[in-house]
Amino acid sequence: NGDPEQLLDAALEAGVIDADERAAVEAAVAARREVIQVDEFPPEA
């Protein structure tokens, strides 16, 4: 049990997903992170 995005290695080893499916999930995670990325400023700024 856990976050499926964190269990890609286990799912690949167990034969639940294949390498292309793993790549699709990784691409989705990366794209989501890019979209929600915000500027970071130190508190003083």
ModelCIF file with pLDDT and N, C-alpha, C, O atoms, coordinates in Angstrom:
data_MODEL
#
_entry.id   MODEL 
#
_entity.id                         1 
_entity.type                       polymer 
_entity.pdbx_number_of_molecules   1 
#
_entity_poly.entity_id                      1 
_entity_poly.type                           'polypeptide(L)' 
_entity_poly.nstd_linkage                   no 
_entity_poly.nstd_monomer                   no 
_entity_poly.pdbx_seq_one_letter_code       NGDPEQLLDAALEAGVIDADERAAVEAAVAARREVIQVDEFPPEA 
_entity_poly.pdbx_seq_one_letter_code_can   NGDPEQLLDAALEAGVIDADERAAVEAAVAARREVIQVDEFPPEA 
_entity_poly.pdbx_strand_id                 A 
#
loop_
_entity_poly_seq.entity_id 
_entity_poly_seq.num 
_entity_poly_seq.mon_id 
_entity_poly_seq.hetero 
1 1  ASN n 
1 2  GLY n 
1 3  ASP n 
1 4  PRO n 
1 5  GLU n 
1 6  GLN n 
1 7  LEU n 
1 8  LEU n 
1 9  ASP n 
1 10 ALA n 
1 11 ALA n 
1 12 LEU n 
1 13 GLU n 
1 14 ALA n 
1 15 GLY n 
1 16 VAL n 
1 17 ILE n 
1 18 ASP n 
1 19 ALA n 
1 20 ASP n 
1 21 GLU n 
1 22 ARG n 
1 23 ALA n 
1 24 ALA n 
1 25 VAL n 
1 26 GLU n 
1 27 ALA n 
1 28 ALA n 
1 29 VAL n 
1 30 ALA n 
1 31 ALA n 
1 32 ARG n 
1 33 ARG n 
1 34 GLU n 
1 35 VAL n 
1 36 ILE n 
1 37 GLN n 
1 38 VAL n 
1 39 ASP n 
1 40 GLU n 
1 41 PHE n 
1 42 PRO n 
1 43 PRO n 
1 44 GLU n 
1 45 ALA n 
#
_struct_asym.id          A 
_struct_asym.entity_id   1 
#
loop_
_ma_qa_metric.id 
_ma_qa_metric.mode 
_ma_qa_metric.name 
_ma_qa_metric.software_group_id 
_ma_qa_metric.type 
1 global pLDDT . pLDDT 
2 local  pLDDT . pLDDT 
#
_ma_qa_metric_global.metric_id      1 
_ma_qa_metric_global.metric_value   92.89 
_ma_qa_metric_global.model_id       1 
_ma_qa_metric_global.ordinal_id     1 
#
loop_
_ma_qa_metric_local.label_asym_id 
_ma_qa_metric_local.label_comp_id 
_ma_qa_metric_local.label_seq_id 
_ma_qa_metric_local.metric_id 
_ma_qa_metric_local.metric_value 
_ma_qa_metric_local.model_id 
_ma_qa_metric_local.ordinal_id 
A ASN 1  2 96.00 1 1  
A GLY 2  2 96.00 1 2  
A ASP 3  2 96.00 1 3  
A PRO 4  2 96.00 1 4  
A GLU 5  2 95.00 1 5  
A GLN 6  2 96.00 1 6  
A LEU 7  2 97.00 1 7  
A LEU 8  2 97.00 1 8  
A ASP 9  2 97.00 1 9  
A ALA 10 2 97.00 1 10 
A ALA 11 2 98.00 1 11 
A LEU 12 2 97.00 1 12 
A GLU 13 2 97.00 1 13 
A ALA 14 2 97.00 1 14 
A GLY 15 2 97.00 1 15 
A VAL 16 2 97.00 1 16 
A ILE 17 2 98.00 1 17 
A ASP 18 2 98.00 1 18 
A ALA 19 2 98.00 1 19 
A ASP 20 2 98.00 1 20 
A GLU 21 2 98.00 1 21 
A ARG 22 2 98.00 1 22 
A ALA 23 2 98.00 1 23 
A ALA 24 2 98.00 1 24 
A VAL 25 2 98.00 1 25 
A GLU 26 2 98.00 1 26 
A ALA 27 2 98.00 1 27 
A ALA 28 2 98.00 1 28 
A VAL 29 2 97.00 1 29 
A ALA 30 2 97.00 1 30 
A ALA 31 2 96.00 1 31 
A ARG 32 2 95.00 1 32 
A ARG 33 2 93.00 1 33 
A GLU 34 2 91.00 1 34 
A VAL 35 2 91.00 1 35 
A ILE 36 2 90.00 1 36 
A GLN 37 2 85.00 1 37 
A VAL 38 2 77.00 1 38 
A ASP 39 2 75.00 1 39 
A GLU 40 2 75.00 1 40 
A PHE 41 2 77.00 1 41 
A PRO 42 2 80.00 1 42 
A PRO 43 2 80.00 1 43 
A GLU 44 2 81.00 1 44 
A ALA 45 2 78.00 1 45 
#
loop_
_atom_site.group_PDB 
_atom_site.id 
_atom_site.type_symbol 
_atom_site.label_atom_id 
_atom_site.label_alt_id 
_atom_site.label_comp_id 
_atom_site.label_asym_id 
_atom_site.label_entity_id 
_atom_site.label_seq_id 
_atom_site.pdbx_PDB_ins_code 
_atom_site.Cartn_x 
_atom_site.Cartn_y 
_atom_site.Cartn_z 
_atom_site.occupancy 
_atom_site.B_iso_or_equiv 
_atom_site.pdbx_formal_charge 
_atom_site.auth_seq_id 
_atom_site.auth_comp_id 
_atom_site.auth_asym_id 
_atom_site.auth_atom_id 
_atom_site.pdbx_PDB_model_num 
ATOM 1   N N  . ASN A 1 1  ? 0.839  -1.191 0.000   1.00 96.00 ? 1  ASN A N  1 
ATOM 2   C CA . ASN A 1 1  ? 0.000  0.000  0.000   1.00 96.00 ? 1  ASN A CA 1 
ATOM 3   C C  . ASN A 1 1  ? 0.874  1.240  0.000   1.00 96.00 ? 1  ASN A C  1 
ATOM 4   O O  . ASN A 1 1  ? 1.994  1.225  0.510   1.00 96.00 ? 1  ASN A O  1 
ATOM 5   N N  . GLY A 1 2  ? 0.354  2.309  -0.575  1.00 96.00 ? 2  GLY A N  1 
ATOM 6   C CA . GLY A 1 2  ? 1.076  3.566  -0.607  1.00 96.00 ? 2  GLY A CA 1 
ATOM 7   C C  . GLY A 1 2  ? 0.715  4.369  -1.832  1.00 96.00 ? 2  GLY A C  1 
ATOM 8   O O  . GLY A 1 2  ? -0.243 4.062  -2.543  1.00 96.00 ? 2  GLY A O  1 
ATOM 9   N N  . ASP A 1 3  ? 1.488  5.387  -2.061  1.00 96.00 ? 3  ASP A N  1 
ATOM 10  C CA . ASP A 1 3  ? 1.298  6.255  -3.219  1.00 96.00 ? 3  ASP A CA 1 
ATOM 11  C C  . ASP A 1 3  ? 1.799  5.517  -4.455  1.00 96.00 ? 3  ASP A C  1 
ATOM 12  O O  . ASP A 1 3  ? 2.981  5.181  -4.529  1.00 96.00 ? 3  ASP A O  1 
ATOM 13  N N  . PRO A 1 4  ? 0.924  5.258  -5.428  1.00 96.00 ? 4  PRO A N  1 
ATOM 14  C CA . PRO A 1 4  ? 1.370  4.503  -6.600  1.00 96.00 ? 4  PRO A CA 1 
ATOM 15  C C  . PRO A 1 4  ? 2.533  5.166  -7.343  1.00 96.00 ? 4  PRO A C  1 
ATOM 16  O O  . PRO A 1 4  ? 3.370  4.482  -7.932  1.00 96.00 ? 4  PRO A O  1 
ATOM 17  N N  . GLU A 1 5  ? 2.578  6.475  -7.311  1.00 95.00 ? 5  GLU A N  1 
ATOM 18  C CA . GLU A 1 5  ? 3.673  7.173  -7.990  1.00 95.00 ? 5  GLU A CA 1 
ATOM 19  C C  . GLU A 1 5  ? 5.021  6.867  -7.352  1.00 95.00 ? 5  GLU A C  1 
ATOM 20  O O  . GLU A 1 5  ? 6.062  7.002  -7.996  1.00 95.00 ? 5  GLU A O  1 
ATOM 21  N N  . GLN A 1 6  ? 5.002  6.453  -6.083  1.00 96.00 ? 6  GLN A N  1 
ATOM 22  C CA . GLN A 1 6  ? 6.231  6.107  -5.371  1.00 96.00 ? 6  GLN A CA 1 
ATOM 23  C C  . GLN A 1 6  ? 6.561  4.618  -5.483  1.00 96.00 ? 6  GLN A C  1 
ATOM 24  O O  . GLN A 1 6  ? 7.616  4.176  -5.028  1.00 96.00 ? 6  GLN A O  1 
ATOM 25  N N  . LEU A 1 7  ? 5.667  3.858  -6.081  1.00 97.00 ? 7  LEU A N  1 
ATOM 26  C CA . LEU A 1 7  ? 5.840  2.401  -6.153  1.00 97.00 ? 7  LEU A CA 1 
ATOM 27  C C  . LEU A 1 7  ? 6.085  1.904  -7.577  1.00 97.00 ? 7  LEU A C  1 
ATOM 28  O O  . LEU A 1 7  ? 5.818  0.741  -7.881  1.00 97.00 ? 7  LEU A O  1 
ATOM 29  N N  . LEU A 1 8  ? 6.580  2.755  -8.428  1.00 97.00 ? 8  LEU A N  1 
ATOM 30  C CA . LEU A 1 8  ? 6.788  2.368  -9.828  1.00 97.00 ? 8  LEU A CA 1 
ATOM 31  C C  . LEU A 1 8  ? 7.791  1.234  -9.956  1.00 97.00 ? 8  LEU A C  1 
ATOM 32  O O  . LEU A 1 8  ? 7.584  0.322  -10.756 1.00 97.00 ? 8  LEU A O  1 
ATOM 33  N N  . ASP A 1 9  ? 8.869  1.269  -9.192  1.00 97.00 ? 9  ASP A N  1 
ATOM 34  C CA . ASP A 1 9  ? 9.866  0.190  -9.258  1.00 97.00 ? 9  ASP A CA 1 
ATOM 35  C C  . ASP A 1 9  ? 9.239  -1.144 -8.872  1.00 97.00 ? 9  ASP A C  1 
ATOM 36  O O  . ASP A 1 9  ? 9.428  -2.150 -9.555  1.00 97.00 ? 9  ASP A O  1 
ATOM 37  N N  . ALA A 1 10 ? 8.492  -1.143 -7.773  1.00 97.00 ? 10 ALA A N  1 
ATOM 38  C CA . ALA A 1 10 ? 7.860  -2.381 -7.302  1.00 97.00 ? 10 ALA A CA 1 
ATOM 39  C C  . ALA A 1 10 ? 6.846  -2.889 -8.317  1.00 97.00 ? 10 ALA A C  1 
ATOM 40  O O  . ALA A 1 10 ? 6.754  -4.093 -8.557  1.00 97.00 ? 10 ALA A O  1 
ATOM 41  N N  . ALA A 1 11 ? 6.085  -1.979 -8.913  1.00 98.00 ? 11 ALA A N  1 
ATOM 42  C CA . ALA A 1 11 ? 5.075  -2.382 -9.895  1.00 98.00 ? 11 ALA A CA 1 
ATOM 43  C C  . ALA A 1 11 ? 5.727  -2.957 -11.144 1.00 98.00 ? 11 ALA A C  1 
ATOM 44  O O  . ALA A 1 11 ? 5.215  -3.906 -11.736 1.00 98.00 ? 11 ALA A O  1 
ATOM 45  N N  . LEU A 1 12 ? 6.842  -2.391 -11.539 1.00 97.00 ? 12 LEU A N  1 
ATOM 46  C CA . LEU A 1 12 ? 7.571  -2.896 -12.702 1.00 97.00 ? 12 LEU A CA 1 
ATOM 47  C C  . LEU A 1 12 ? 8.135  -4.282 -12.398 1.00 97.00 ? 12 LEU A C  1 
ATOM 48  O O  . LEU A 1 12 ? 8.021  -5.191 -13.220 1.00 97.00 ? 12 LEU A O  1 
ATOM 49  N N  . GLU A 1 13 ? 8.733  -4.445 -11.241 1.00 97.00 ? 13 GLU A N  1 
ATOM 50  C CA . GLU A 1 13 ? 9.300  -5.739 -10.849 1.00 97.00 ? 13 GLU A CA 1 
ATOM 51  C C  . GLU A 1 13 ? 8.232  -6.819 -10.702 1.00 97.00 ? 13 GLU A C  1 
ATOM 52  O O  . GLU A 1 13 ? 8.478  -7.987 -11.000 1.00 97.00 ? 13 GLU A O  1 
ATOM 53  N N  . ALA A 1 14 ? 7.042  -6.422 -10.240 1.00 97.00 ? 14 ALA A N  1 
ATOM 54  C CA . ALA A 1 14 ? 5.954  -7.385 -10.052 1.00 97.00 ? 14 ALA A CA 1 
ATOM 55  C C  . ALA A 1 14 ? 5.219  -7.695 -11.351 1.00 97.00 ? 14 ALA A C  1 
ATOM 56  O O  . ALA A 1 14 ? 4.354  -8.571 -11.388 1.00 97.00 ? 14 ALA A O  1 
ATOM 57  N N  . GLY A 1 15 ? 5.563  -6.978 -12.410 1.00 97.00 ? 15 GLY A N  1 
ATOM 58  C CA . GLY A 1 15 ? 4.905  -7.209 -13.693 1.00 97.00 ? 15 GLY A CA 1 
ATOM 59  C C  . GLY A 1 15 ? 3.524  -6.575 -13.794 1.00 97.00 ? 15 GLY A C  1 
ATOM 60  O O  . GLY A 1 15 ? 2.743  -6.912 -14.684 1.00 97.00 ? 15 GLY A O  1 
ATOM 61  N N  . VAL A 1 16 ? 3.227  -5.661 -12.884 1.00 97.00 ? 16 VAL A N  1 
ATOM 62  C CA . VAL A 1 16 ? 1.932  -4.981 -12.910 1.00 97.00 ? 16 VAL A CA 1 
ATOM 63  C C  . VAL A 1 16 ? 1.913  -3.948 -14.036 1.00 97.00 ? 16 VAL A C  1 
ATOM 64  O O  . VAL A 1 16 ? 0.882  -3.734 -14.675 1.00 97.00 ? 16 VAL A O  1 
ATOM 65  N N  . ILE A 1 17 ? 3.054  -3.315 -14.272 1.00 98.00 ? 17 ILE A N  1 
ATOM 66  C CA . ILE A 1 17 ? 3.189  -2.344 -15.363 1.00 98.00 ? 17 ILE A CA 1 
ATOM 67  C C  . ILE A 1 17 ? 4.434  -2.688 -16.166 1.00 98.00 ? 17 ILE A C  1 
ATOM 68  O O  . ILE A 1 17 ? 5.288  -3.457 -15.724 1.00 98.00 ? 17 ILE A O  1 
ATOM 69  N N  . ASP A 1 18 ? 4.519  -2.100 -17.357 1.00 98.00 ? 18 ASP A N  1 
ATOM 70  C CA . ASP A 1 18 ? 5.728  -2.286 -18.160 1.00 98.00 ? 18 ASP A CA 1 
ATOM 71  C C  . ASP A 1 18 ? 6.515  -0.969 -18.203 1.00 98.00 ? 18 ASP A C  1 
ATOM 72  O O  . ASP A 1 18 ? 6.091  0.037  -17.634 1.00 98.00 ? 18 ASP A O  1 
ATOM 73  N N  . ALA A 1 19 ? 7.644  -0.990 -18.873 1.00 98.00 ? 19 ALA A N  1 
ATOM 74  C CA . ALA A 1 19 ? 8.534  0.175  -18.900 1.00 98.00 ? 19 ALA A CA 1 
ATOM 75  C C  . ALA A 1 19 ? 7.868  1.380  -19.553 1.00 98.00 ? 19 ALA A C  1 
ATOM 76  O O  . ALA A 1 19 ? 8.078  2.507  -19.105 1.00 98.00 ? 19 ALA A O  1 
ATOM 77  N N  . ASP A 1 20 ? 7.080  1.175  -20.590 1.00 98.00 ? 20 ASP A N  1 
ATOM 78  C CA . ASP A 1 20 ? 6.395  2.298  -21.246 1.00 98.00 ? 20 ASP A CA 1 
ATOM 79  C C  . ASP A 1 20 ? 5.367  2.929  -20.318 1.00 98.00 ? 20 ASP A C  1 
ATOM 80  O O  . ASP A 1 20 ? 5.210  4.150  -20.293 1.00 98.00 ? 20 ASP A O  1 
ATOM 81  N N  . GLU A 1 21 ? 4.670  2.097  -19.557 1.00 98.00 ? 21 GLU A N  1 
ATOM 82  C CA . GLU A 1 21 ? 3.675  2.619  -18.623 1.00 98.00 ? 21 GLU A CA 1 
ATOM 83  C C  . GLU A 1 21 ? 4.349  3.378  -17.483 1.00 98.00 ? 21 GLU A C  1 
ATOM 84  O O  . GLU A 1 21 ? 3.853  4.405  -17.022 1.00 98.00 ? 21 GLU A O  1 
ATOM 85  N N  . ARG A 1 22 ? 5.478  2.855  -17.044 1.00 98.00 ? 22 ARG A N  1 
ATOM 86  C CA . ARG A 1 22 ? 6.242  3.568  -16.019 1.00 98.00 ? 22 ARG A CA 1 
ATOM 87  C C  . ARG A 1 22 ? 6.660  4.937  -16.541 1.00 98.00 ? 22 ARG A C  1 
ATOM 88  O O  . ARG A 1 22 ? 6.548  5.937  -15.831 1.00 98.00 ? 22 ARG A O  1 
ATOM 89  N N  . ALA A 1 23 ? 7.136  4.983  -17.769 1.00 98.00 ? 23 ALA A N  1 
ATOM 90  C CA . ALA A 1 23 ? 7.554  6.253  -18.369 1.00 98.00 ? 23 ALA A CA 1 
ATOM 91  C C  . ALA A 1 23 ? 6.377  7.221  -18.485 1.00 98.00 ? 23 ALA A C  1 
ATOM 92  O O  . ALA A 1 23 ? 6.550  8.426  -18.306 1.00 98.00 ? 23 ALA A O  1 
ATOM 93  N N  . ALA A 1 24 ? 5.192  6.712  -18.781 1.00 98.00 ? 24 ALA A N  1 
ATOM 94  C CA . ALA A 1 24 ? 4.006  7.567  -18.888 1.00 98.00 ? 24 ALA A CA 1 
ATOM 95  C C  . ALA A 1 24 ? 3.667  8.191  -17.542 1.00 98.00 ? 24 ALA A C  1 
ATOM 96  O O  . ALA A 1 24 ? 3.329  9.372  -17.475 1.00 98.00 ? 24 ALA A O  1 
ATOM 97  N N  . VAL A 1 25 ? 3.754  7.411  -16.472 1.00 98.00 ? 25 VAL A N  1 
ATOM 98  C CA . VAL A 1 25 ? 3.469  7.949  -15.138 1.00 98.00 ? 25 VAL A CA 1 
ATOM 99  C C  . VAL A 1 25 ? 4.542  8.964  -14.755 1.00 98.00 ? 25 VAL A C  1 
ATOM 100 O O  . VAL A 1 25 ? 4.221  10.029 -14.227 1.00 98.00 ? 25 VAL A O  1 
ATOM 101 N N  . GLU A 1 26 ? 5.793  8.653  -15.010 1.00 98.00 ? 26 GLU A N  1 
ATOM 102 C CA . GLU A 1 26 ? 6.870  9.589  -14.684 1.00 98.00 ? 26 GLU A CA 1 
ATOM 103 C C  . GLU A 1 26 ? 6.712  10.894 -15.450 1.00 98.00 ? 26 GLU A C  1 
ATOM 104 O O  . GLU A 1 26 ? 6.961  11.966 -14.898 1.00 98.00 ? 26 GLU A O  1 
ATOM 105 N N  . ALA A 1 27 ? 6.302  10.822 -16.719 1.00 98.00 ? 27 ALA A N  1 
ATOM 106 C CA . ALA A 1 27 ? 6.083  12.024 -17.518 1.00 98.00 ? 27 ALA A CA 1 
ATOM 107 C C  . ALA A 1 27 ? 4.933  12.850 -16.946 1.00 98.00 ? 27 ALA A C  1 
ATOM 108 O O  . ALA A 1 27 ? 5.007  14.078 -16.909 1.00 98.00 ? 27 ALA A O  1 
ATOM 109 N N  . ALA A 1 28 ? 3.875  12.181 -16.501 1.00 98.00 ? 28 ALA A N  1 
ATOM 110 C CA . ALA A 1 28 ? 2.734  12.888 -15.913 1.00 98.00 ? 28 ALA A CA 1 
ATOM 111 C C  . ALA A 1 28 ? 3.134  13.587 -14.616 1.00 98.00 ? 28 ALA A C  1 
ATOM 112 O O  . ALA A 1 28 ? 2.742  14.728 -14.370 1.00 98.00 ? 28 ALA A O  1 
ATOM 113 N N  . VAL A 1 29 ? 3.908  12.904 -13.797 1.00 97.00 ? 29 VAL A N  1 
ATOM 114 C CA . VAL A 1 29 ? 4.359  13.492 -12.533 1.00 97.00 ? 29 VAL A CA 1 
ATOM 115 C C  . VAL A 1 29 ? 5.236  14.712 -12.809 1.00 97.00 ? 29 VAL A C  1 
ATOM 116 O O  . VAL A 1 29 ? 5.070  15.750 -12.168 1.00 97.00 ? 29 VAL A O  1 
ATOM 117 N N  . ALA A 1 30 ? 6.158  14.596 -13.746 1.00 97.00 ? 30 ALA A N  1 
ATOM 118 C CA . ALA A 1 30 ? 7.053  15.708 -14.076 1.00 97.00 ? 30 ALA A CA 1 
ATOM 119 C C  . ALA A 1 30 ? 6.269  16.891 -14.635 1.00 97.00 ? 30 ALA A C  1 
ATOM 120 O O  . ALA A 1 30 ? 6.543  18.038 -14.282 1.00 97.00 ? 30 ALA A O  1 
ATOM 121 N N  . ALA A 1 31 ? 5.302  16.623 -15.498 1.00 96.00 ? 31 ALA A N  1 
ATOM 122 C CA . ALA A 1 31 ? 4.501  17.699 -16.078 1.00 96.00 ? 31 ALA A CA 1 
ATOM 123 C C  . ALA A 1 31 ? 3.670  18.393 -15.005 1.00 96.00 ? 31 ALA A C  1 
ATOM 124 O O  . ALA A 1 31 ? 3.548  19.618 -15.007 1.00 96.00 ? 31 ALA A O  1 
ATOM 125 N N  . ARG A 1 32 ? 3.099  17.613 -14.088 1.00 95.00 ? 32 ARG A N  1 
ATOM 126 C CA . ARG A 1 32 ? 2.312  18.200 -12.997 1.00 95.00 ? 32 ARG A CA 1 
ATOM 127 C C  . ARG A 1 32 ? 3.193  19.090 -12.133 1.00 95.00 ? 32 ARG A C  1 
ATOM 128 O O  . ARG A 1 32 ? 2.798  20.200 -11.776 1.00 95.00 ? 32 ARG A O  1 
ATOM 129 N N  . ARG A 1 33 ? 4.376  18.612 -11.799 1.00 93.00 ? 33 ARG A N  1 
ATOM 130 C CA . ARG A 1 33 ? 5.289  19.416 -10.972 1.00 93.00 ? 33 ARG A CA 1 
ATOM 131 C C  . ARG A 1 33 ? 5.663  20.718 -11.678 1.00 93.00 ? 33 ARG A C  1 
ATOM 132 O O  . ARG A 1 33 ? 5.762  21.770 -11.047 1.00 93.00 ? 33 ARG A O  1 
ATOM 133 N N  . GLU A 1 34 ? 5.865  20.639 -12.962 1.00 91.00 ? 34 GLU A N  1 
ATOM 134 C CA . GLU A 1 34 ? 6.213  21.835 -13.739 1.00 91.00 ? 34 GLU A CA 1 
ATOM 135 C C  . GLU A 1 34 ? 5.072  22.853 -13.691 1.00 91.00 ? 34 GLU A C  1 
ATOM 136 O O  . GLU A 1 34 ? 5.316  24.053 -13.563 1.00 91.00 ? 34 GLU A O  1 
ATOM 137 N N  . VAL A 1 35 ? 3.848  22.384 -13.792 1.00 91.00 ? 35 VAL A N  1 
ATOM 138 C CA . VAL A 1 35 ? 2.687  23.273 -13.811 1.00 91.00 ? 35 VAL A CA 1 
ATOM 139 C C  . VAL A 1 35 ? 2.482  23.943 -12.454 1.00 91.00 ? 35 VAL A C  1 
ATOM 140 O O  . VAL A 1 35 ? 2.126  25.120 -12.395 1.00 91.00 ? 35 VAL A O  1 
ATOM 141 N N  . ILE A 1 36 ? 2.701  23.216 -11.376 1.00 90.00 ? 36 ILE A N  1 
ATOM 142 C CA . ILE A 1 36 ? 2.447  23.803 -10.062 1.00 90.00 ? 36 ILE A CA 1 
ATOM 143 C C  . ILE A 1 36 ? 3.665  24.493 -9.470  1.00 90.00 ? 36 ILE A C  1 
ATOM 144 O O  . ILE A 1 36 ? 3.598  25.043 -8.371  1.00 90.00 ? 36 ILE A O  1 
ATOM 145 N N  . GLN A 1 37 ? 4.768  24.464 -10.187 1.00 85.00 ? 37 GLN A N  1 
ATOM 146 C CA . GLN A 1 37 ? 5.989  25.118 -9.726  1.00 85.00 ? 37 GLN A CA 1 
ATOM 147 C C  . GLN A 1 37 ? 5.721  26.610 -9.541  1.00 85.00 ? 37 GLN A C  1 
ATOM 148 O O  . GLN A 1 37 ? 5.155  27.257 -10.422 1.00 85.00 ? 37 GLN A O  1 
ATOM 149 N N  . VAL A 1 38 ? 6.119  27.136 -8.425  1.00 77.00 ? 38 VAL A N  1 
ATOM 150 C CA . VAL A 1 38 ? 5.942  28.558 -8.152  1.00 77.00 ? 38 VAL A CA 1 
ATOM 151 C C  . VAL A 1 38 ? 7.287  29.188 -7.868  1.00 77.00 ? 38 VAL A C  1 
ATOM 152 O O  . VAL A 1 38 ? 8.256  28.504 -7.537  1.00 77.00 ? 38 VAL A O  1 
ATOM 153 N N  . ASP A 1 39 ? 7.333  30.495 -8.001  1.00 75.00 ? 39 ASP A N  1 
ATOM 154 C CA . ASP A 1 39 ? 8.551  31.208 -7.664  1.00 75.00 ? 39 ASP A CA 1 
ATOM 155 C C  . ASP A 1 39 ? 8.783  31.110 -6.165  1.00 75.00 ? 39 ASP A C  1 
ATOM 156 O O  . ASP A 1 39 ? 7.838  31.099 -5.376  1.00 75.00 ? 39 ASP A O  1 
ATOM 157 N N  . GLU A 1 40 ? 10.034 31.040 -5.789  1.00 75.00 ? 40 GLU A N  1 
ATOM 158 C CA . GLU A 1 40 ? 10.375 30.950 -4.375  1.00 75.00 ? 40 GLU A CA 1 
ATOM 159 C C  . GLU A 1 40 ? 11.175 32.190 -4.007  1.00 75.00 ? 40 GLU A C  1 
ATOM 160 O O  . GLU A 1 40 ? 12.144 32.553 -4.674  1.00 75.00 ? 40 GLU A O  1 
ATOM 161 N N  . PHE A 1 41 ? 10.751 32.815 -2.949  1.00 77.00 ? 41 PHE A N  1 
ATOM 162 C CA . PHE A 1 41 ? 11.429 34.018 -2.484  1.00 77.00 ? 41 PHE A CA 1 
ATOM 163 C C  . PHE A 1 41 ? 11.795 33.843 -1.022  1.00 77.00 ? 41 PHE A C  1 
ATOM 164 O O  . PHE A 1 41 ? 11.036 33.242 -0.262  1.00 77.00 ? 41 PHE A O  1 
ATOM 165 N N  . PRO A 1 42 ? 12.946 34.359 -0.619  1.00 80.00 ? 42 PRO A N  1 
ATOM 166 C CA . PRO A 1 42 ? 13.277 34.322 0.810   1.00 80.00 ? 42 PRO A CA 1 
ATOM 167 C C  . PRO A 1 42 ? 12.323 35.251 1.564   1.00 80.00 ? 42 PRO A C  1 
ATOM 168 O O  . PRO A 1 42 ? 11.837 36.223 0.985   1.00 80.00 ? 42 PRO A O  1 
ATOM 169 N N  . PRO A 1 43 ? 12.047 34.980 2.827   1.00 80.00 ? 43 PRO A N  1 
ATOM 170 C CA . PRO A 1 43 ? 11.102 35.810 3.594   1.00 80.00 ? 43 PRO A CA 1 
ATOM 171 C C  . PRO A 1 43 ? 11.449 37.301 3.575   1.00 80.00 ? 43 PRO A C  1 
ATOM 172 O O  . PRO A 1 43 ? 10.554 38.146 3.581   1.00 80.00 ? 43 PRO A O  1 
ATOM 173 N N  . GLU A 1 44 ? 12.738 37.623 3.553   1.00 81.00 ? 44 GLU A N  1 
ATOM 174 C CA . GLU A 1 44 ? 13.134 39.036 3.556   1.00 81.00 ? 44 GLU A CA 1 
ATOM 175 C C  . GLU A 1 44 ? 12.629 39.768 2.308   1.00 81.00 ? 44 GLU A C  1 
ATOM 176 O O  . GLU A 1 44 ? 12.331 40.961 2.366   1.00 81.00 ? 44 GLU A O  1 
ATOM 177 N N  . ALA A 1 45 ? 12.536 39.077 1.218   1.00 78.00 ? 45 ALA A N  1 
ATOM 178 C CA . ALA A 1 45 ? 12.102 39.720 -0.025  1.00 78.00 ? 45 ALA A CA 1 
ATOM 179 C C  . ALA A 1 45 ? 10.622 40.071 0.015   1.00 78.00 ? 45 ALA A C  1 
ATOM 180 O O  . ALA A 1 45 ? 10.091 40.618 -0.952  1.00 78.00 ? 45 ALA A O  1 
#
